[in-house]
Amino acid sequence: MQKSHVGHICHHSLLSEGWVPVALTDEKYSDAVCFSFDDDGNPDYLPISVSRAMDNNDSEREKQEFVHAAGSCIDAGIDTGIDTGMDGIGIHGAKG
Protein backbone atom coordinates (compact mmCIF):
# COMPACT_ATOMS: atom_id res chain seq x y z
CA MET A 1 0.00 0.00 0.00
CA GLN A 2 1.41 3.40 -0.93
CA LYS A 3 0.36 6.95 -0.12
CA SER A 4 2.14 9.67 -2.01
CA HIS A 5 2.15 13.38 -2.66
CA VAL A 6 3.70 14.23 -6.00
CA GLY A 7 4.22 17.92 -5.38
CA HIS A 8 4.57 20.09 -8.47
CA ILE A 9 5.15 17.25 -10.96
CA CYS A 10 1.49 16.72 -11.69
CA HIS A 11 -1.12 17.35 -14.37
CA HIS A 12 -4.55 18.64 -13.37
CA SER A 13 -6.25 15.77 -15.26
CA LEU A 14 -5.08 13.41 -12.51
CA LEU A 15 -6.98 15.37 -9.87
CA SER A 16 -10.65 15.83 -9.07
CA GLU A 17 -12.34 18.42 -11.24
CA GLY A 18 -11.44 21.96 -10.21
CA TRP A 19 -8.42 20.93 -8.15
CA VAL A 20 -4.90 22.08 -8.93
CA PRO A 21 -1.57 20.58 -7.84
CA VAL A 22 -0.12 21.98 -4.62
CA ALA A 23 3.57 22.15 -3.81
CA LEU A 24 5.97 24.10 -1.62
CA THR A 25 6.14 26.86 -4.26
CA ASP A 26 4.17 27.95 -7.30
CA GLU A 27 7.31 27.77 -9.45
CA LYS A 28 6.76 26.03 -12.80
CA TYR A 29 9.49 23.95 -14.34
CA SER A 30 9.23 24.78 -18.04
CA ASP A 31 10.36 21.47 -19.51
CA ALA A 32 8.86 19.07 -16.96
CA VAL A 33 6.24 16.57 -18.10
CA CYS A 34 4.21 13.87 -16.42
CA PHE A 35 2.28 10.87 -17.67
CA SER A 36 -1.39 11.78 -17.74
CA PHE A 37 -4.38 11.98 -20.08
CA ASP A 38 -4.97 14.57 -22.79
CA ASP A 39 -8.29 16.37 -23.37
CA ASP A 40 -9.54 13.41 -25.42
CA GLY A 41 -8.70 10.93 -22.65
CA ASN A 42 -5.64 9.51 -24.39
CA PRO A 43 -2.59 8.63 -22.26
CA ASP A 44 0.39 10.83 -23.02
CA TYR A 45 3.29 12.76 -21.53
CA LEU A 46 1.94 16.26 -20.91
CA PRO A 47 3.48 19.46 -19.56
CA ILE A 48 2.92 19.73 -15.83
CA SER A 49 0.22 22.06 -14.56
CA VAL A 50 1.11 25.18 -12.59
CA SER A 51 1.02 24.39 -8.87
CA ARG A 52 -0.47 26.47 -6.12
CA ALA A 53 1.92 27.14 -3.25
CA MET A 54 0.87 25.30 -0.10
CA ASP A 55 -0.10 27.25 2.99
CA ASN A 56 -0.14 26.02 6.60
CA ASN A 57 -3.67 24.61 6.21
CA ASP A 58 -2.58 22.58 3.17
CA SER A 59 0.42 21.20 5.05
CA GLU A 60 -1.72 20.16 8.01
CA ARG A 61 -4.32 18.56 5.70
CA GLU A 62 -1.62 16.58 3.87
CA LYS A 63 -0.19 15.40 7.18
CA GLN A 64 -3.63 14.26 8.35
CA GLU A 65 -4.23 12.43 5.05
CA PHE A 66 -0.97 10.50 5.50
CA VAL A 67 -1.95 9.65 9.09
CA HIS A 68 -5.43 8.53 7.97
CA ALA A 69 -4.00 6.38 5.14
CA ALA A 70 -1.57 4.66 7.51
CA GLY A 71 -4.36 4.05 10.03
CA SER A 72 -6.56 2.59 7.30
CA CYS A 73 -3.76 0.21 6.33
CA ILE A 74 -3.36 -0.93 9.90
CA ASP A 75 -7.14 -1.36 10.23
CA ALA A 76 -7.07 -3.50 7.06
CA GLY A 77 -4.45 -5.77 8.61
CA ILE A 78 -1.43 -4.67 6.63
CA ASP A 79 1.71 -5.46 8.61
CA THR A 80 -0.33 -7.03 11.41
CA GLY A 81 -0.05 -10.68 10.40
CA ILE A 82 -3.44 -10.87 8.67
CA ASP A 83 -3.07 -12.23 5.13
CA THR A 84 -3.94 -9.22 2.94
CA GLY A 85 -1.41 -9.81 0.17
CA MET A 86 0.33 -6.58 1.14
CA ASP A 87 3.45 -6.53 3.24
CA GLY A 88 4.00 -2.91 4.16
CA ILE A 89 3.06 0.72 4.03
CA GLY A 90 5.12 3.06 1.82
CA ILE A 91 4.90 6.81 2.31
CA HIS A 92 6.32 9.05 -0.40
CA GLY A 93 6.59 12.81 -0.44
CA ALA A 94 7.89 14.94 -3.25
CA LYS A 95 10.50 17.60 -2.78
CA GLY A 96 8.62 20.56 -4.07
Foldseek 3Di string as FASTA:
>chain_A
DEDEQAAQAAACQVDDPPDAHEHQDQDADVPHWDFDADPVRHTDTGGTDGHHHDDPVNVVVVVVVVVVVVVVCVVVPACPPDPPVHNDYHYYYHDD
